[in-house]
Structure formats: structure tokens, C-alpha cells
Amino acid sequence: MKKTILLFSTALFTVATFAQQVIYNGEDVNPGWWCAAPFERGLDNDWDNPQKTGINTSDKCVSIWINNDEVDWTSGGLGGLNIDIATSNRISVMVYKLVAGPVRIELQDGINPNFTSIQDYTTTGEWQTLVFEIPANLGNITTLLLAPHFENHETNPIPDGEAHRFFWDNVVAYKENTNPTSVVFFDKKNKEIISTQVYTIAGALVESFEKENVDLSKFPKGIYVLKQTDVDGNVTSKKITN
């Protein structure tokens, strides 16, 4: 029989503090994005969050409207940045769309050729965190462009209506830890841990890992519930602050 053990004071738990640079969060860090498009499109830096559940319950985000014939060009950009690659090797972005597909980031340091990277948005109608790697040969990043929808829709156009509107929030640069945060709920004399899940305090699953040690540095600051399952199906839970 599966047992659930709630440990809020006695579980072994270690978390390191990781440096991170919040580039945009819609509230206290809210620089003005500009629109990169053949024609001026509707970009709003102060849009109401369309889905205040799960991993993003904040009030504001960025919204942009993209037409099918401008899909390869329309993006939001930020200039005047100074993202130190000595302390950052990843950029995470929360994205919300009604259509699944690639999301592109472009990083510029003013010296080297512009760097682009693409990640897939898969969870339609929900906020999803996408993580982009910063290449080691790039200098300090001065400009960032984000294309929330980067497909070619000549044969598969975006359907009419609000599917043309896309959102992003909580852009954070950080250093991924090469020695992941250790999360240990069971004493080593107990059974092997086969999975670890990270939940928001509201109960929404953030990410699931098939291992015991996980890196929490990429998640936004906040309160989480971590659950671990051993080989016998016993579940241990703990509330933590990242």
C-alpha cells in the first residue's frame, strides 16, 4: 500500500543560493519591449495575465499580435541590456499561446554574429517555461529578441481569432548549477528514490524528474511543494522556499 509521509521539519534538504538576473517580470522589473516587424504590430507591455494559475499567477505580461504573413519577422525586443555571461548560461522565459509550436530567442552582444535558439511550446492554453542556453563564445548580451510564434504558416496558417495573440513573462538569466541542488527526503538506509515532482503551492505540477537530485535554480523564486516516491511507492512531501 502506498504511504504518504509529510515532512515539514525533519526531512534532510539542502538548497544553494543561485545568482539570477531578472530581465522582465511585468511588475517590479518592467522595461519597455519594442516590436520588430515589417509593419508596426500590436505589442503591449502591460497586458493582463490571461491565465493566473499554475506556474504564473502574476498580474502582468507582454502581449503581441502576429499575422500569418509576418510570422518570420514579428517579435518583441529589449535593448540596453548587460547580461553577464560569466554569471549566466541560461535564459528562461514563460510563454502562453493557444497554438503549439517553436519559440525563438535571438541574443546579440554587438560584436559576434547574432545567436538564435528555438524551443518548443507544447502545452497550449497554459504557461510553460522554456529554457534557452547561452553559448560560451558570446559576449555580454546587450539585446534580446523573442518571437513567441515562429512557424511558417503558408500551408498551416494560424486560425482566425485570439490564436494570433501570444504572451510571454518572467524572463530570467541565470547560471545553471553543474552540481544540482540535493533534495533528500529519505534517509540513505531507506529505499531508492525513483521520482521527484515539483509543485506550486496551489498544487500545479511544475516539473517531474526521474531522479532524486534536482536543480531548483531555474524556477522563479517562491514557495513550492516537492514530492518524492521510492521504489515501494511511498511518497514523501515537503514545502520549501526557493
Protein backbone atom coordinates (compact mmCIF):
# COMPACT_ATOMS: atom_id res chain seq x y z
CA MET A 1 0.00 0.00 0.00
CA LYS A 2 1.29 3.43 -0.90
CA LYS A 3 2.17 5.62 2.07
CA THR A 4 2.32 9.41 2.02
CA ILE A 5 4.66 10.93 4.58
CA LEU A 6 4.52 14.68 5.17
CA LEU A 7 7.86 16.03 6.35
CA PHE A 8 7.93 19.73 7.13
CA SER A 9 10.69 19.87 9.71
CA THR A 10 12.74 16.67 9.86
CA ALA A 11 13.49 15.90 6.21
CA LEU A 12 17.04 16.40 5.02
CA PHE A 13 17.06 19.22 2.48
CA THR A 14 19.81 21.38 1.04
CA VAL A 15 19.40 24.32 -1.32
CA ALA A 16 22.16 26.54 -2.64
CA THR A 17 21.53 30.18 -3.50
CA PHE A 18 21.99 30.90 -7.21
CA ALA A 19 22.59 34.28 -8.78
CA GLN A 20 19.99 35.26 -11.30
CA GLN A 21 19.18 38.41 -13.25
CA VAL A 22 15.51 39.19 -13.75
CA ILE A 23 15.25 40.84 -17.16
CA TYR A 24 11.46 41.25 -17.12
CA ASN A 25 8.67 40.14 -14.80
CA GLY A 26 5.83 42.54 -15.60
CA GLU A 27 5.70 44.06 -12.12
CA ASP A 28 8.81 45.48 -10.45
CA VAL A 29 11.13 44.79 -13.43
CA ASN A 30 9.19 46.11 -16.41
CA PRO A 31 11.32 47.58 -19.23
CA GLY A 32 9.56 48.61 -22.44
CA TRP A 33 9.68 45.99 -25.17
CA TRP A 34 9.71 47.20 -28.78
CA CYS A 35 8.11 45.45 -31.72
CA ALA A 36 10.28 44.02 -34.52
CA ALA A 37 8.06 43.51 -37.57
CA PRO A 38 7.70 44.62 -41.21
CA PHE A 39 4.81 46.77 -40.05
CA GLU A 40 4.05 48.08 -36.59
CA ARG A 41 2.10 45.36 -34.82
CA GLY A 42 0.17 45.49 -31.59
CA LEU A 43 2.61 44.95 -28.75
CA ASP A 44 1.52 45.66 -25.19
CA ASN A 45 4.00 45.71 -22.29
CA ASP A 46 1.25 45.91 -19.69
CA TRP A 47 -1.20 43.16 -20.66
CA ASP A 48 -3.29 41.33 -18.06
CA ASN A 49 -2.13 37.76 -17.47
CA PRO A 50 -4.63 35.57 -19.40
CA GLN A 51 -4.15 32.54 -17.12
CA LYS A 52 -3.35 33.27 -13.48
CA THR A 53 -2.95 29.63 -12.48
CA GLY A 54 -0.16 27.08 -12.44
CA ILE A 55 3.37 28.45 -12.65
CA ASN A 56 2.43 32.09 -13.33
CA THR A 57 -0.03 33.88 -11.07
CA SER A 58 1.38 37.40 -11.55
CA ASP A 59 -0.82 40.21 -12.89
CA LYS A 60 1.01 41.49 -15.97
CA CYS A 61 2.82 40.12 -19.03
CA VAL A 62 3.70 41.10 -22.61
CA SER A 63 1.28 40.52 -25.49
CA ILE A 64 1.91 40.70 -29.23
CA TRP A 65 -0.35 40.15 -32.24
CA ILE A 66 1.14 38.24 -35.16
CA ASN A 67 -0.30 37.92 -38.67
CA ASN A 68 0.34 34.88 -40.85
CA ASP A 69 2.26 36.86 -43.49
CA GLU A 70 4.59 38.33 -40.82
CA VAL A 71 5.28 35.26 -38.76
CA ASP A 72 9.01 35.10 -39.59
CA TRP A 73 9.60 38.69 -38.53
CA THR A 74 7.32 39.63 -35.68
CA SER A 75 8.99 39.60 -32.26
CA GLY A 76 9.48 41.65 -29.15
CA GLY A 77 12.88 43.11 -28.35
CA LEU A 78 14.77 44.62 -25.42
CA GLY A 79 17.91 46.71 -25.85
CA GLY A 80 20.30 48.33 -23.41
CA LEU A 81 20.84 45.09 -21.50
CA ASN A 82 24.00 43.91 -19.81
CA ILE A 83 23.64 40.18 -19.21
CA ASP A 84 27.00 38.96 -17.89
CA ILE A 85 27.81 35.58 -19.42
CA ALA A 86 30.26 34.95 -16.59
CA THR A 87 27.28 34.61 -14.25
CA SER A 88 24.60 33.45 -16.71
CA ASN A 89 24.49 30.48 -19.08
CA ARG A 90 20.72 30.09 -19.42
CA ILE A 91 17.72 32.31 -20.10
CA SER A 92 14.27 31.10 -19.09
CA VAL A 93 11.03 32.56 -20.44
CA MET A 94 7.42 31.80 -19.55
CA VAL A 95 5.25 31.54 -22.69
CA TYR A 96 1.48 31.30 -23.14
CA LYS A 97 -0.13 30.56 -26.52
CA LEU A 98 -3.23 28.99 -27.99
CA VAL A 99 -1.21 27.32 -30.75
CA ALA A 100 1.68 24.89 -30.14
CA GLY A 101 4.96 25.32 -31.93
CA PRO A 102 8.51 26.71 -31.83
CA VAL A 103 9.53 29.82 -29.94
CA ARG A 104 12.72 31.62 -30.98
CA ILE A 105 15.11 33.74 -28.99
CA GLU A 106 17.81 35.93 -30.54
CA LEU A 107 20.77 37.16 -28.48
CA GLN A 108 23.09 39.96 -29.55
CA ASP A 109 26.33 41.15 -27.96
CA GLY A 110 27.17 43.83 -30.56
CA ILE A 111 30.37 42.03 -31.56
CA ASN A 112 29.73 38.45 -32.61
CA PRO A 113 27.11 37.22 -35.09
CA ASN A 114 23.61 37.18 -33.62
CA PHE A 115 22.78 33.89 -31.89
CA THR A 116 19.37 32.26 -32.27
CA SER A 117 17.87 29.27 -30.48
CA ILE A 118 14.48 27.57 -30.74
CA GLN A 119 12.48 25.66 -28.14
CA ASP A 120 9.05 24.04 -28.49
CA TYR A 121 5.95 25.32 -26.75
CA THR A 122 3.73 22.24 -26.30
CA THR A 123 1.17 22.94 -23.57
CA THR A 124 -1.47 25.08 -25.30
CA GLY A 125 -3.58 27.35 -23.13
CA GLU A 126 -1.17 27.15 -20.19
CA TRP A 127 2.01 28.93 -19.15
CA GLN A 128 5.12 26.91 -19.95
CA THR A 129 8.73 27.72 -19.03
CA LEU A 130 11.17 27.46 -21.94
CA VAL A 131 14.91 27.42 -21.24
CA PHE A 132 17.46 28.66 -23.80
CA GLU A 133 21.19 28.02 -23.49
CA ILE A 134 23.60 30.96 -23.82
CA PRO A 135 26.65 29.93 -25.90
CA ALA A 136 30.03 30.26 -24.21
CA ASN A 137 31.55 32.22 -27.11
CA LEU A 138 29.02 35.06 -26.85
CA GLY A 139 29.97 38.30 -25.12
CA ASN A 140 27.80 40.09 -22.59
CA ILE A 141 24.31 40.28 -24.07
CA THR A 142 23.07 43.76 -24.92
CA THR A 143 19.93 42.94 -26.94
CA LEU A 144 17.36 40.16 -26.71
CA LEU A 145 14.55 39.41 -29.18
CA LEU A 146 11.79 36.92 -28.53
CA ALA A 147 9.48 35.54 -31.22
CA PRO A 148 6.60 33.83 -29.40
CA HIS A 149 5.44 32.14 -32.60
CA PHE A 150 7.98 31.33 -35.26
CA GLU A 151 6.35 28.89 -37.67
CA ASN A 152 5.90 29.27 -41.40
CA HIS A 153 2.14 29.23 -41.87
CA GLU A 154 1.95 29.23 -45.64
CA THR A 155 0.46 25.74 -45.53
CA ASN A 156 -0.78 25.76 -41.94
CA PRO A 157 -1.96 29.28 -41.10
CA ILE A 158 -2.78 30.46 -37.62
CA PRO A 159 -6.57 30.11 -37.20
CA ASP A 160 -8.62 33.30 -37.02
CA GLY A 161 -9.23 34.99 -33.69
CA GLU A 162 -7.25 35.16 -30.47
CA ALA A 163 -4.87 32.41 -31.62
CA HIS A 164 -2.94 35.26 -33.25
CA ARG A 165 -2.13 36.75 -29.85
CA PHE A 166 0.82 35.43 -27.86
CA PHE A 167 2.19 36.21 -24.43
CA TRP A 168 5.44 35.98 -22.50
CA ASP A 169 6.54 36.77 -18.96
CA ASN A 170 9.29 36.26 -16.36
CA VAL A 171 12.44 36.47 -18.48
CA VAL A 172 15.35 35.44 -16.26
CA ALA A 173 19.07 34.93 -16.90
CA TYR A 174 20.83 32.57 -14.52
CA LYS A 175 23.73 30.19 -14.06
CA GLU A 176 22.78 26.53 -14.25
CA ASN A 177 24.46 24.69 -11.43
CA THR A 178 26.71 21.84 -12.51
CA ASN A 179 26.17 20.27 -9.09
CA PRO A 180 22.38 20.05 -8.81
CA THR A 181 20.61 21.01 -5.64
CA SER A 182 20.33 17.97 -3.39
CA VAL A 183 16.81 17.07 -2.34
CA VAL A 184 16.84 14.18 0.12
CA PHE A 185 13.63 13.17 1.89
CA PHE A 186 14.56 9.60 2.80
CA ASP A 187 17.48 8.57 4.95
CA LYS A 188 20.03 6.64 2.89
CA LYS A 189 19.12 3.39 4.70
CA ASN A 190 15.66 3.61 3.15
CA LYS A 191 14.51 2.72 -0.36
CA GLU A 192 15.80 4.20 -3.59
CA ILE A 193 14.07 7.37 -4.82
CA ILE A 194 12.67 6.85 -8.34
CA SER A 195 10.93 10.19 -8.95
CA THR A 196 10.76 13.77 -7.71
CA GLN A 197 7.97 16.22 -8.55
CA VAL A 198 7.95 19.98 -8.03
CA TYR A 199 4.53 21.61 -7.48
CA THR A 200 3.40 25.18 -6.94
CA ILE A 201 1.85 25.95 -3.58
CA ALA A 202 -1.52 25.88 -5.40
CA GLY A 203 -0.91 22.27 -6.42
CA ALA A 204 0.02 22.68 -10.11
CA LEU A 205 2.81 20.41 -11.35
CA VAL A 206 5.84 22.44 -12.43
CA GLU A 207 8.20 19.64 -13.44
CA SER A 208 8.81 15.94 -12.83
CA PHE A 209 12.20 14.22 -12.57
CA GLU A 210 13.10 10.55 -12.67
CA LYS A 211 15.82 11.02 -10.07
CA GLU A 212 16.50 12.12 -6.52
CA ASN A 213 18.75 15.15 -7.05
CA VAL A 214 17.23 18.08 -8.93
CA ASP A 215 18.33 21.63 -9.72
CA LEU A 216 15.85 24.21 -8.44
CA SER A 217 17.80 27.24 -9.64
CA LYS A 218 15.84 27.63 -12.89
CA PHE A 219 12.49 28.03 -11.14
CA PRO A 220 11.20 31.50 -10.21
CA LYS A 221 11.53 32.48 -6.58
CA GLY A 222 8.60 31.29 -4.49
CA ILE A 223 7.13 28.54 -2.33
CA TYR A 224 6.97 25.02 -3.77
CA VAL A 225 5.94 21.56 -2.65
CA LEU A 226 8.37 18.77 -3.51
CA LYS A 227 7.24 15.15 -3.57
CA GLN A 228 9.43 12.09 -3.85
CA THR A 229 8.47 8.47 -4.47
CA ASP A 230 10.59 5.44 -3.56
CA VAL A 231 10.67 2.04 -5.26
CA ASP A 232 7.92 0.74 -2.94
CA GLY A 233 5.55 3.60 -3.82
CA ASN A 234 5.99 5.52 -0.57
CA VAL A 235 5.60 9.28 -1.10
CA THR A 236 7.28 11.98 0.97
CA SER A 237 6.35 15.68 0.64
CA LYS A 238 7.95 18.89 1.86
CA LYS A 239 7.14 22.57 1.46
CA ILE A 240 10.21 24.64 0.52
CA THR A 241 11.08 28.21 -0.38
CA ASN A 242 13.36 28.62 -3.39
